[in-house]
C-alpha atoms as a PDB file:
ATOM      1  CA  MET A   1     -12.725 254.838 -77.939  1.00  0.00           C
ATOM      2  CA  GLY A   2     -10.368 256.324 -75.152  1.00  0.00           C
ATOM      3  CA  TYR A   3      -7.295 255.134 -73.394  1.00  0.00           C
ATOM      4  CA  GLY A   4      -6.781 253.928 -69.832  1.00  0.00           C
ATOM      5  CA  LEU A   5      -7.827 251.307 -67.380  1.00  0.00           C
ATOM      6  CA  PRO A   6     -11.235 250.547 -65.829  1.00  0.00           C
ATOM      7  CA  SER A   7     -11.524 251.670 -62.211  1.00  0.00           C
ATOM      8  CA  LYS A   8     -10.864 248.253 -60.460  1.00  0.00           C
ATOM      9  CA  GLN A   9      -7.972 247.150 -62.711  1.00  0.00           C
ATOM     10  CA  THR A  10      -4.742 247.063 -60.531  1.00  0.00           C
ATOM     11  CA  VAL A  11      -1.652 249.079 -61.312  1.00  0.00           C
ATOM     12  CA  ASN A  12       1.902 248.350 -60.145  1.00  0.00           C
ATOM     13  CA  ALA A  13       2.604 251.311 -57.812  1.00  0.00           C
ATOM     14  CA  VAL A  14       5.641 251.646 -55.786  1.00  0.00           C
ATOM     15  CA  GLY A  15       4.685 250.250 -52.398  1.00  0.00           C
ATOM     16  CA  GLY A  16       2.212 247.761 -53.793  1.00  0.00           C
ATOM     17  CA  ARG A  17      -0.762 247.252 -56.307  1.00  0.00           C
ATOM     18  CA  ARG A  18      -3.377 249.976 -56.381  1.00  0.00           C
ATOM     19  CA  GLN A  19      -6.494 250.036 -58.320  1.00  0.00           C
ATOM     20  CA  ALA A  20      -6.600 252.382 -61.287  1.00  0.00           C
ATOM     21  CA  ARG A  21      -9.154 254.818 -59.560  1.00  0.00           C
ATOM     22  CA  ASN A  22      -6.908 255.197 -56.633  1.00  0.00           C
ATOM     23  CA  ILE A  23      -3.867 256.506 -58.517  1.00  0.00           C
ATOM     24  CA  GLN A  24      -3.326 260.234 -58.066  1.00  0.00           C
ATOM     25  CA  ALA A  25      -1.054 262.872 -59.206  1.00  0.00           C
ATOM     26  CA  GLY A  26       2.360 262.437 -57.334  1.00  0.00           C
ATOM     27  CA  CYS A  27       1.969 258.593 -57.198  1.00  0.00           C
ATOM     28  CA  ARG A  28       4.974 256.705 -58.307  1.00  0.00           C
ATOM     29  CA  LEU A  29       4.516 253.748 -60.573  1.00  0.00           C
ATOM     30  CA  TRP A  30       6.731 250.949 -61.963  1.00  0.00           C
ATOM     31  CA  ALA A  31       7.769 250.897 -65.503  1.00  0.00           C
ATOM     32  CA  LEU A  32      10.188 249.097 -67.758  1.00  0.00           C
ATOM     33  CA  GLU A  33      13.121 250.798 -69.410  1.00  0.00           C
ATOM     34  CA  GLY A  34      15.038 248.384 -71.625  1.00  0.00           C
ATOM     35  CA  GLU A  35      15.729 245.409 -69.326  1.00  0.00           C
ATOM     36  CA  ARG A  36      15.508 247.160 -66.154  1.00  0.00           C
ATOM     37  CA  THR A  37      12.567 248.241 -63.952  1.00  0.00           C
ATOM     38  CA  VAL A  38      12.444 251.953 -63.129  1.00  0.00           C
ATOM     39  CA  GLN A  39      10.163 254.345 -61.365  1.00  0.00           C
ATOM     40  CA  THR A  40       8.096 257.117 -62.836  1.00  0.00           C
ATOM     41  CA  ALA A  41       5.749 259.711 -61.410  1.00  0.00           C
ATOM     42  CA  VAL A  42       2.106 260.485 -62.271  1.00  0.00           C
ATOM     43  CA  THR A  43       1.662 264.190 -63.136  1.00  0.00           C
ATOM     44  CA  GLU A  44      -1.976 264.096 -64.252  1.00  0.00           C
ATOM     45  CA  VAL A  45      -4.897 261.762 -64.159  1.00  0.00           C
ATOM     46  CA  VAL A  46      -7.626 261.805 -66.978  1.00  0.00           C
ATOM     47  CA  THR A  47     -11.030 259.930 -66.849  1.00  0.00           C
ATOM     48  CA  VAL A  48     -13.335 259.195 -69.760  1.00  0.00           C
ATOM     49  CA  LYS A  49     -16.640 257.178 -69.978  1.00  0.00           C
ATOM     50  CA  VAL A  50     -16.844 254.475 -72.560  1.00  0.00           C
ATOM     51  CA  ARG A  51     -19.271 251.583 -73.394  1.00  0.00           C
ATOM     52  CA  GLU A  52     -16.499 249.013 -74.337  1.00  0.00           C
ATOM     53  CA  ASP A  53     -13.240 247.604 -73.059  1.00  0.00           C
ATOM     54  CA  VAL A  54     -11.261 244.542 -73.545  1.00  0.00           C
ATOM     55  CA  GLU A  55      -9.984 241.625 -71.438  1.00  0.00           C
ATOM     56  CA  VAL A  56      -6.377 240.667 -72.404  1.00  0.00           C
ATOM     57  CA  VAL A  57      -5.484 237.117 -71.498  1.00  0.00           C
ATOM     58  CA  THR A  58      -1.642 236.401 -71.300  1.00  0.00           C
ATOM     59  CA  ASP A  59       0.507 233.666 -69.916  1.00  0.00           C
ATOM     60  CA  HIS A  60       0.309 235.134 -66.477  1.00  0.00           C
ATOM     61  CA  VAL A  61      -2.878 236.980 -65.780  1.00  0.00           C
ATOM     62  CA  THR A  62      -5.966 238.544 -67.420  1.00  0.00           C
ATOM     63  CA  PHE A  63      -6.168 242.268 -67.191  1.00  0.00           C
ATOM     64  CA  THR A  64      -8.786 244.800 -68.581  1.00  0.00           C
ATOM     65  CA  ALA A  65      -7.976 248.025 -70.530  1.00  0.00           C
ATOM     66  CA  ALA A  66      -9.402 250.298 -73.079  1.00  0.00           C
ATOM     67  CA  PRO A  67      -9.392 248.847 -76.708  1.00  0.00           C
ATOM     68  CA  ASP A  68      -6.987 251.841 -77.758  1.00  0.00           C
ATOM     69  CA  GLN A  69      -4.702 251.338 -74.777  1.00  0.00           C
ATOM     70  CA  MET A  70      -1.068 251.084 -75.929  1.00  0.00           C
ATOM     71  CA  LEU A  71       0.826 247.999 -74.876  1.00  0.00           C
ATOM     72  CA  GLY A  72       4.559 247.237 -75.439  1.00  0.00           C
ATOM     73  CA  THR A  73       5.680 244.557 -77.883  1.00  0.00           C
ATOM     74  CA  PRO A  74       9.051 243.629 -79.422  1.00  0.00           C
ATOM     75  CA  ASP A  75       8.064 245.479 -82.511  1.00  0.00           C
ATOM     76  CA  GLY A  76       6.869 248.765 -80.721  1.00  0.00           C
ATOM     77  CA  TRP A  77       3.358 249.642 -79.346  1.00  0.00           C
ATOM     78  CA  VAL A  78       0.250 248.018 -80.307  1.00  0.00           C
ATOM     79  CA  HIS A  79      -3.510 248.744 -79.310  1.00  0.00           C
ATOM     80  CA  ALA A  80      -4.911 246.264 -76.802  1.00  0.00           C
ATOM     81  CA  ARG A  81      -7.668 245.368 -79.180  1.00  0.00           C
ATOM     82  CA  ASP A  82      -4.900 244.180 -81.597  1.00  0.00           C
ATOM     83  CA  ALA A  83      -2.605 242.381 -79.210  1.00  0.00           C
ATOM     84  CA  GLU A  84      -4.014 238.827 -79.651  1.00  0.00           C
ATOM     85  CA  GLY A  85      -1.092 236.605 -80.841  1.00  0.00           C
ATOM     86  CA  THR A  86       1.569 238.860 -79.892  1.00  0.00           C
ATOM     87  CA  VAL A  87       3.997 239.022 -76.999  1.00  0.00           C
ATOM     88  CA  LEU A  88       4.031 241.858 -74.357  1.00  0.00           C
ATOM     89  CA  ALA A  89       6.889 243.280 -72.343  1.00  0.00           C
ATOM     90  CA  TRP A  90       6.489 241.846 -68.804  1.00  0.00           C
ATOM     91  CA  THR A  91       8.228 241.556 -65.413  1.00  0.00           C
ATOM     92  CA  ALA A  92       7.330 239.539 -62.365  1.00  0.00           C
ATOM     93  CA  ALA A  93       5.208 242.007 -60.406  1.00  0.00           C
ATOM     94  CA  ARG A  94       5.706 240.192 -57.175  1.00  0.00           C
ATOM     95  CA  LYS A  95       9.384 240.874 -57.262  1.00  0.00           C
ATOM     96  CA  LEU A  96       8.928 244.653 -57.797  1.00  0.00           C
ATOM     97  CA  CYS A  97       9.324 245.452 -54.027  1.00  0.00           C
ATOM     98  CA  ARG A  98      12.592 243.644 -53.522  1.00  0.00           C
ATOM     99  CA  ALA A  99      15.783 245.538 -52.920  1.00  0.00           C
ATOM    100  CA  ARG A 100      18.120 245.933 -55.993  1.00  0.00           C
ATOM    101  CA  LEU A 101      21.799 245.244 -55.661  1.00  0.00           C
ATOM    102  CA  THR A 102      24.620 247.308 -57.091  1.00  0.00           C
ATOM    103  CA  ILE A 103      27.294 244.922 -58.171  1.00  0.00           C
ATOM    104  CA  GLU A 104      31.029 245.968 -57.805  1.00  0.00           C
ATOM    105  CA  PRO A 105      33.176 244.127 -60.375  1.00  0.00           C
ATOM    106  CA  GLY A 106      36.657 243.103 -59.529  1.00  0.00           C
ATOM    107  CA  PHE A 107      38.484 240.261 -57.818  1.00  0.00           C
ATOM    108  CA  ASP A 108      35.933 239.865 -54.961  1.00  0.00           C
ATOM    109  CA  PHE A 109      33.092 239.487 -57.624  1.00  0.00           C
ATOM    110  CA  GLY A 110      34.950 236.914 -59.492  1.00  0.00           C
ATOM    111  CA  TYR A 111      35.812 234.940 -56.320  1.00  0.00           C
ATOM    112  CA  LEU A 112      31.965 234.976 -55.381  1.00  0.00           C
ATOM    113  CA  ILE A 113      31.130 233.559 -58.772  1.00  0.00           C
ATOM    114  CA  GLY A 114      33.812 230.925 -58.917  1.00  0.00           C
ATOM    115  CA  ALA A 115      33.153 229.685 -55.362  1.00  0.00           C
ATOM    116  CA  THR A 116      29.440 229.526 -55.859  1.00  0.00           C
ATOM    117  CA  CYS A 117      29.843 227.644 -59.176  1.00  0.00           C
ATOM    118  CA  SER A 118      32.053 225.104 -57.448  1.00  0.00           C
ATOM    119  CA  ASP A 119      30.612 224.530 -53.862  1.00  0.00           C
ATOM    120  CA  GLY A 120      27.706 226.997 -53.351  1.00  0.00           C
ATOM    121  CA  THR A 121      23.893 226.535 -53.480  1.00  0.00           C
ATOM    122  CA  VAL A 122      21.580 228.912 -55.240  1.00  0.00           C
ATOM    123  CA  GLY A 123      18.071 228.467 -53.956  1.00  0.00           C
ATOM    124  CA  GLN A 124      14.725 230.241 -54.915  1.00  0.00           C
ATOM    125  CA  ASN A 125      15.542 233.221 -52.827  1.00  0.00           C
ATOM    126  CA  TYR A 126      19.021 232.739 -51.166  1.00  0.00           C
ATOM    127  CA  VAL A 127      22.659 231.867 -52.026  1.00  0.00           C
ATOM    128  CA  SER A 128      24.631 229.885 -49.479  1.00  0.00           C
ATOM    129  CA  LEU A 129      27.985 227.974 -49.051  1.00  0.00           C
ATOM    130  CA  VAL A 130      28.578 225.327 -46.474  1.00  0.00           C
ATOM    131  CA  VAL A 131      32.206 224.136 -46.133  1.00  0.00           C
ATOM    132  CA  ASN A 132      34.486 222.499 -43.523  1.00  0.00           C
ATOM    133  CA  ASP A 133      37.265 225.201 -44.013  1.00  0.00           C
ATOM    134  CA  ARG A 134      36.693 228.153 -41.922  1.00  0.00           C
ATOM    135  CA  ALA A 135      39.134 230.324 -43.916  1.00  0.00           C
ATOM    136  CA  PHE A 136      37.385 229.573 -47.143  1.00  0.00           C
ATOM    137  CA  ALA A 137      34.078 230.527 -45.544  1.00  0.00           C
ATOM    138  CA  GLU A 138      35.464 233.747 -44.458  1.00  0.00           C
ATOM    139  CA  ARG A 139      36.846 234.592 -47.819  1.00  0.00           C
ATOM    140  CA  TYR A 140      33.558 233.792 -49.408  1.00  0.00           C
ATOM    141  CA  ALA A 141      31.778 235.969 -46.820  1.00  0.00           C
ATOM    142  CA  ARG A 142      33.987 238.903 -47.353  1.00  0.00           C
ATOM    143  CA  CYS A 143      33.773 238.732 -51.164  1.00  0.00           C
ATOM    144  CA  LEU A 144      30.169 238.480 -51.064  1.00  0.00           C
ATOM    145  CA  THR A 145      29.765 241.615 -48.862  1.00  0.00           C
ATOM    146  CA  ASN A 146      32.281 243.516 -50.865  1.00  0.00           C
ATOM    147  CA  SER A 147      30.700 242.740 -54.261  1.00  0.00           C
ATOM    148  CA  THR A 148      27.035 243.037 -53.486  1.00  0.00           C
ATOM    149  CA  GLY A 149      26.707 245.088 -50.204  1.00  0.00           C
ATOM    150  CA  LEU A 150      24.894 242.276 -48.498  1.00  0.00           C
ATOM    151  CA  ASN A 151      25.714 241.519 -44.982  1.00  0.00           C
ATOM    152  CA  ALA A 152      27.181 238.017 -45.005  1.00  0.00           C
ATOM    153  CA  ARG A 153      28.154 236.221 -41.818  1.00  0.00           C
ATOM    154  CA  LEU A 154      29.494 232.752 -40.804  1.00  0.00           C
ATOM    155  CA  GLU A 155      27.428 230.371 -38.884  1.00  0.00           C
ATOM    156  CA  PRO A 156      28.907 227.092 -37.345  1.00  0.00           C
ATOM    157  CA  VAL A 157      26.858 224.095 -38.462  1.00  0.00           C
ATOM    158  CA  THR A 158      27.215 220.297 -38.602  1.00  0.00           C
ATOM    159  CA  ARG A 159      26.593 218.067 -41.569  1.00  0.00           C
ATOM    160  CA  PRO A 160      26.720 214.302 -42.211  1.00  0.00           C
ATOM    161  CA  SER A 161      30.147 212.884 -43.247  1.00  0.00           C
ATOM    162  CA  GLY A 162      30.032 209.589 -45.237  1.00  0.00           C
ATOM    163  CA  TYR A 163      33.745 209.377 -44.811  1.00  0.00           C
ATOM    164  CA  LEU A 164      33.769 209.772 -41.071  1.00  0.00           C
ATOM    165  CA  GLN A 165      30.446 208.088 -40.446  1.00  0.00           C
ATOM    166  CA  ARG A 166      29.382 210.922 -38.125  1.00  0.00           C
ATOM    167  CA  ASP A 167      28.329 214.560 -38.275  1.00  0.00           C
ATOM    168  CA  ALA A 168      31.192 216.773 -38.940  1.00  0.00           C
ATOM    169  CA  PRO A 169      31.649 220.533 -37.956  1.00  0.00           C
ATOM    170  CA  GLY A 170      31.486 223.070 -40.713  1.00  0.00           C
ATOM    171  CA  PHE A 171      30.559 226.663 -41.515  1.00  0.00           C
ATOM    172  CA  ARG A 172      27.824 228.217 -43.441  1.00  0.00           C
ATOM    173  CA  VAL A 173      27.433 231.633 -45.207  1.00  0.00           C
ATOM    174  CA  ARG A 174      23.916 232.322 -46.255  1.00  0.00           C
ATOM    175  CA  VAL A 175      22.221 235.562 -47.565  1.00  0.00           C
ATOM    176  CA  VAL A 176      18.456 235.695 -48.353  1.00  0.00           C
ATOM    177  CA  SER A 177      18.074 237.656 -51.545  1.00  0.00           C
ATOM    178  CA  SER A 178      15.877 236.562 -54.484  1.00  0.00           C
ATOM    179  CA  TYR A 179      17.640 239.386 -56.438  1.00  0.00           C
ATOM    180  CA  LEU A 180      21.152 237.756 -56.029  1.00  0.00           C
ATOM    181  CA  ALA A 181      19.613 234.235 -56.554  1.00  0.00           C
ATOM    182  CA  ASP A 182      18.139 235.357 -59.930  1.00  0.00           C
ATOM    183  CA  LEU A 183      21.390 237.092 -60.840  1.00  0.00           C
ATOM    184  CA  MET A 184      23.479 234.010 -60.244  1.00  0.00           C
ATOM    185  CA  ARG A 185      21.216 231.928 -62.328  1.00  0.00           C
ATOM    186  CA  GLN A 186      21.380 234.638 -65.072  1.00  0.00           C
ATOM    187  CA  TYR A 187      25.207 234.438 -64.967  1.00  0.00           C
ATOM    188  CA  VAL A 188      25.248 230.692 -65.439  1.00  0.00           C
ATOM    189  CA  GLY A 189      22.486 230.457 -68.185  1.00  0.00           C
ATOM    190  CA  GLY A 190      19.415 229.915 -66.144  1.00  0.00           C
ATOM    191  CA  ASP A 191      20.149 226.794 -64.080  1.00  0.00           C
ATOM    192  CA  ALA A 192      22.498 226.919 -61.237  1.00  0.00           C
ATOM    193  CA  HIS A 193      22.710 223.335 -60.563  1.00  0.00           C
ATOM    194  CA  HIS A 194      26.363 222.313 -60.707  1.00  0.00           C
ATOM    195  CA  MET A 195      25.728 219.633 -63.452  1.00  0.00           C
ATOM    196  CA  ARG A 196      23.845 221.916 -65.604  1.00  0.00           C
ATOM    197  CA  GLN A 197      25.139 225.424 -65.056  1.00  0.00           C
ATOM    198  CA  GLY A 198      27.011 227.079 -68.026  1.00  0.00           C
ATOM    199  CA  PHE A 199      30.259 228.867 -67.784  1.00  0.00           C
ATOM    200  CA  PRO A 200      29.677 232.333 -66.249  1.00  0.00           C
ATOM    201  CA  ARG A 201      31.128 234.551 -69.051  1.00  0.00           C
ATOM    202  CA  VAL A 202      30.429 237.693 -67.054  1.00  0.00           C
ATOM    203  CA  VAL A 203      33.749 236.867 -65.252  1.00  0.00           C
ATOM    204  CA  LEU A 204      35.593 237.597 -68.488  1.00  0.00           C
ATOM    205  CA  ARG A 205      35.038 241.407 -68.136  1.00  0.00           C
ATOM    206  CA  ASP A 206      38.672 241.816 -67.073  1.00  0.00           C
ATOM    207  CA  LYS A 207      41.728 239.799 -65.927  1.00  0.00           C
ATOM    208  CA  GLU A 208      41.247 240.758 -62.171  1.00  0.00           C
ATOM    209  CA  THR A 209      37.720 239.434 -62.166  1.00  0.00           C
ATOM    210  CA  PHE A 210      38.901 236.222 -63.884  1.00  0.00           C
ATOM    211  CA  ASP A 211      41.694 235.659 -61.524  1.00  0.00           C
ATOM    212  CA  GLY A 212      39.152 236.001 -58.648  1.00  0.00           C
ATOM    213  CA  PHE A 213      36.895 233.365 -60.347  1.00  0.00           C
ATOM    214  CA  LEU A 214      39.768 230.915 -60.699  1.00  0.00           C
ATOM    215  CA  ASP A 215      40.797 231.329 -56.974  1.00  0.00           C
ATOM    216  CA  GLY A 216      37.202 230.859 -55.849  1.00  0.00           C
ATOM    217  CA  TYR A 217      36.640 227.858 -58.018  1.00  0.00           C
ATOM    218  CA  MET A 218      39.821 226.287 -56.723  1.00  0.00           C
ATOM    219  CA  ASP A 219      39.022 226.801 -53.213  1.00  0.00           C
ATOM    220  CA  GLY A 220      35.868 224.884 -53.746  1.00  0.00           C
ATOM    221  CA  ASP A 221      36.634 222.156 -56.318  1.00  0.00           C
ATOM    222  CA  GLY A 222      40.353 222.277 -56.779  1.00  0.00           C
ATOM    223  CA  CYS A 223      43.758 221.938 -55.482  1.00  0.00           C
ATOM    224  CA  PRO A 224      47.443 222.696 -56.282  1.00  0.00           C
ATOM    225  CA  ALA A 225      49.151 220.413 -58.618  1.00  0.00           C
ATOM    226  CA  LYS A 226      51.721 218.147 -56.873  1.00  0.00           C
ATOM    227  CA  THR A 227      54.486 218.172 -59.586  1.00  0.00           C
ATOM    228  CA  TRP A 228      54.383 221.542 -61.226  1.00  0.00           C
ATOM    229  CA  PRO A 229      53.184 225.077 -60.800  1.00  0.00           C
ATOM    230  CA  ALA A 230      49.604 224.567 -61.724  1.00  0.00           C
ATOM    231  CA  ARG A 231      46.111 224.110 -60.184  1.00  0.00           C
ATOM    232  CA  VAL A 232      43.755 221.222 -60.777  1.00  0.00           C
ATOM    233  CA  LEU A 233      40.134 222.054 -61.195  1.00  0.00           C
ATOM    234  CA  VAL A 234      37.526 219.162 -60.853  1.00  0.00           C
ATOM    235  CA  SER A 235      34.140 218.910 -62.194  1.00  0.00           C
ATOM    236  CA  ALA A 236      31.697 216.299 -63.776  1.00  0.00           C
ATOM    237  CA  ASN A 237      30.211 219.214 -65.819  1.00  0.00           C
ATOM    238  CA  VAL A 238      32.204 218.582 -68.910  1.00  0.00           C
ATOM    239  CA  PRO A 239      30.919 221.494 -71.077  1.00  0.00           C
ATOM    240  CA  PHE A 240      31.783 223.967 -68.257  1.00  0.00           C
ATOM    241  CA  LEU A 241      35.399 222.659 -68.120  1.00  0.00           C
ATOM    242  CA  MET A 242      35.647 222.647 -71.932  1.00  0.00           C
ATOM    243  CA  GLU A 243      34.725 226.320 -72.122  1.00  0.00           C
ATOM    244  CA  LEU A 244      37.221 227.176 -69.187  1.00  0.00           C
ATOM    245  CA  ALA A 245      40.009 225.256 -70.986  1.00  0.00           C
ATOM    246  CA  GLN A 246      39.607 227.297 -74.130  1.00  0.00           C
ATOM    247  CA  ILE A 247      39.861 230.520 -72.153  1.00  0.00           C
ATOM    248  CA  VAL A 248      43.110 229.553 -70.416  1.00  0.00           C
ATOM    249  CA  GLY A 249      44.458 227.833 -73.585  1.00  0.00           C
ATOM    250  CA  ALA A 250      44.743 224.406 -71.677  1.00  0.00           C
ATOM    251  CA  ARG A 251      44.332 220.853 -73.128  1.00  0.00           C
ATOM    252  CA  PHE A 252      41.424 218.987 -71.800  1.00  0.00           C
ATOM    253  CA  THR A 253      40.367 215.402 -72.137  1.00  0.00           C
ATOM    254  CA  PRO A 254      37.127 214.525 -70.340  1.00  0.00           C
ATOM    255  CA  ARG A 255      36.737 211.170 -68.659  1.00  0.00           C
ATOM    256  CA  THR A 256      34.299 208.802 -70.322  1.00  0.00           C
ATOM    257  CA  ASP A 257      33.575 206.623 -67.343  1.00  0.00           C
ATOM    258  CA  GLY A 258      31.031 208.974 -65.810  1.00  0.00           C
ATOM    259  CA  LYS A 259      33.429 210.229 -62.988  1.00  0.00           C
ATOM    260  CA  ALA A 260      34.623 213.936 -62.508  1.00  0.00           C
ATOM    261  CA  SER A 261      36.943 215.285 -65.043  1.00  0.00           C
ATOM    262  CA  LYS A 262      40.058 217.283 -64.289  1.00  0.00           C
ATOM    263  CA  LEU A 263      41.449 220.455 -65.842  1.00  0.00           C
ATOM    264  CA  LEU A 264      45.062 221.467 -65.262  1.00  0.00           C
ATOM    265  CA  VAL A 265      45.517 225.362 -65.363  1.00  0.00           C
ATOM    266  CA  ALA A 266      49.204 226.259 -65.506  1.00  0.00           C
ATOM    267  CA  ASP A 267      50.293 229.175 -63.467  1.00  0.00           C
ATOM    268  CA  SER A 268      51.844 230.549 -66.743  1.00  0.00           C
ATOM    269  CA  TRP A 269      48.540 230.383 -68.692  1.00  0.00           C
ATOM    270  CA  PRO A 270      48.373 234.274 -69.129  1.00  0.00           C
ATOM    271  CA  SER A 271      51.435 234.148 -71.264  1.00  0.00           C
ATOM    272  CA  ARG A 272      49.452 232.155 -73.971  1.00  0.00           C
ATOM    273  CA  GLY A 273      47.414 235.293 -74.694  1.00  0.00           C
ATOM    274  CA  THR A 274      44.051 233.302 -74.817  1.00  0.00           C
ATOM    275  CA  PHE A 275      42.295 235.645 -72.459  1.00  0.00           C
ATOM    276  CA  LYS A 276      39.986 237.971 -74.316  1.00  0.00           C
ATOM    277  CA  PRO A 277      37.925 240.529 -72.374  1.00  0.00           C
ATOM    278  CA  GLU A 278      34.128 240.570 -72.936  1.00  0.00           C
ATOM    279  CA  GLN A 279      31.448 242.887 -71.899  1.00  0.00           C
ATOM    280  CA  HIS A 280      28.513 241.492 -70.137  1.00  0.00           C
ATOM    281  CA  SER A 281      25.853 243.210 -68.095  1.00  0.00           C
ATOM    282  CA  LEU A 282      26.371 242.898 -64.251  1.00  0.00           C
ATOM    283  CA  GLN A 283      22.886 243.884 -63.576  1.00  0.00           C
ATOM    284  CA  LEU A 284      19.785 241.629 -63.535  1.00  0.00           C
ATOM    285  CA  ARG A 285      17.741 241.427 -66.680  1.00  0.00           C
ATOM    286  CA  GLU A 286      14.259 242.049 -65.213  1.00  0.00           C
ATOM    287  CA  ALA A 287      12.278 242.262 -68.561  1.00  0.00           C
ATOM    288  CA  ALA A 288      10.719 239.163 -70.146  1.00  0.00           C
ATOM    289  CA  TRP A 289       7.991 238.518 -72.614  1.00  0.00           C
ATOM    290  CA  SER A 290       4.437 237.397 -72.086  1.00  0.00           C
ATOM    291  CA  GLN A 291       2.228 235.780 -74.709  1.00  0.00           C
ATOM    292  CA  VAL A 292      -1.156 237.154 -75.451  1.00  0.00           C
ATOM    293  CA  HIS A 293      -3.585 234.184 -75.946  1.00  0.00           C
ATOM    294  CA  GLN A 294      -6.926 236.008 -76.306  1.00  0.00           C
ATOM    295  CA  VAL A 295      -8.417 239.517 -76.413  1.00  0.00           C
ATOM    296  CA  ARG A 296     -12.174 239.554 -75.304  1.00  0.00           C
ATOM    297  CA  ARG A 297     -14.508 242.545 -75.814  1.00  0.00           C
ATOM    298  CA  ARG A 298     -16.672 243.568 -72.961  1.00  0.00           C
ATOM    299  CA  ILE A 299     -19.747 245.783 -73.531  1.00  0.00           C
ATOM    300  CA  ALA A 300     -21.333 247.885 -70.723  1.00  0.00           C
ATOM    301  CA  LYS A 301     -24.889 246.736 -70.094  1.00  0.00           C
ATOM    302  CA  ASP A 302     -26.147 249.580 -67.751  1.00  0.00           C
ATOM    303  CA  LYS A 303     -23.818 252.248 -66.741  1.00  0.00           C
ATOM    304  CA  PRO A 304     -20.654 252.918 -68.914  1.00  0.00           C
ATOM    305  CA  PHE A 305     -17.095 251.963 -67.891  1.00  0.00           C
ATOM    306  CA  THR A 306     -14.891 254.895 -66.360  1.00  0.00           C
ATOM    307  CA  LEU A 307     -11.353 254.659 -67.637  1.00  0.00           C
ATOM    308  CA  TYR A 308      -8.394 256.271 -65.931  1.00  0.00           C
ATOM    309  CA  SER A 309      -5.298 257.130 -67.878  1.00  0.00           C
ATOM    310  CA  TYR A 310      -2.155 258.907 -66.694  1.00  0.00           C
ATOM    311  CA  ARG A 311       0.344 261.314 -67.834  1.00  0.00           C
ATOM    312  CA  LEU A 312       3.845 260.302 -66.548  1.00  0.00           C
ATOM    313  CA  ASP A 313       7.362 261.719 -66.025  1.00  0.00           C
ATOM    314  CA  PRO A 314      10.159 261.042 -66.619  1.00  0.00           C
ATOM    315  CA  HIS A 315       9.213 257.637 -68.240  1.00  0.00           C
ATOM    316  CA  PRO A 316       5.825 257.500 -70.275  1.00  0.00           C
ATOM    317  CA  GLY A 317       5.238 253.682 -69.579  1.00  0.00           C
ATOM    318  CA  PHE A 318       3.785 251.944 -66.548  1.00  0.00           C
ATOM    319  CA  LEU A 319       3.112 248.427 -65.554  1.00  0.00           C
ATOM    320  CA  VAL A 320      -0.301 246.659 -65.395  1.00  0.00           C
ATOM    321  CA  ASN A 321      -0.001 243.380 -63.521  1.00  0.00           C
ATOM    322  CA  GLY A 322       3.547 243.402 -64.714  1.00  0.00           C
ATOM    323  CA  HIS A 323       2.847 244.203 -68.428  1.00  0.00           C
ATOM    324  CA  LEU A 324       4.160 247.376 -70.075  1.00  0.00           C
ATOM    325  CA  ALA A 325       1.565 249.979 -71.161  1.00  0.00           C
ATOM    326  CA  ARG A 326       1.695 253.688 -71.911  1.00  0.00           C
ATOM    327  CA  GLN A 327      -0.463 256.606 -73.128  1.00  0.00           C
ATOM    328  CA  PRO A 328      -0.175 257.944 -76.604  1.00  0.00           C
ATOM    329  CA  TRP A 329       1.045 261.539 -75.552  1.00  0.00           C
END
């Protein structure tokens, strides 16, 4: 029956969507390689006339392809005509054009995570911190820039103070990056709300990163203990503190009255030998899965359909409305 896409079906090309008929040799297309998006180049375009194609209805869109078109699934490649009831490798096509960040591990990276978990805000496409302490804001901005390469600057702001009963001066650090925002949500388990975030185990990659995390979290929601060499970390997110307590080998008894709990982390905690390095990906997982709900046949009534297929290098796959496809070569 032939492989490929009908002429008006859009393909995710680098620079924006393009119809299949407008893809030429030399064009660069987006593809998925494992959990990351990558670019691949078209080396040859082949056309064929057919009397039938199929519409594939997924969670996100409906796209059209040849019945024999290969689509990526968790169990390998499947023909489009047989895809109903399976899930396809998918990524959000509207996010393909955004800038990718290269994350630098180390103390600054850990500090960024800790301060964001304690006092930061992760929006849909931004990460910010608003505090009264200028030195804290400066440290946060410096660590954000050093670990992500983004240009972070301080802005003077005012915000209401319930204690003072008036607006109080403060400082804001805010960077617009949907990639960083998605990365922060990935690190804490998907939901960056302070009451629902999970402990970011990515900071356990080495002792230097974890030390940065503790410093950043204390600057946001902590203070030095008054009577002995330790720091007090405060949060109403009990599962978060419980996991942290196990890592530093500390006893932790959460409050039961609904108020914030406290965790004491002794300065001598490294001597307990409870810290175990773990390897976690620093980069964003861009791949996900999309359910196929229906596959519908289409028969040409008058003139046949023209299908366009591509030979690609170095990656054989390409994205159709975010869904991974490839040729059989």
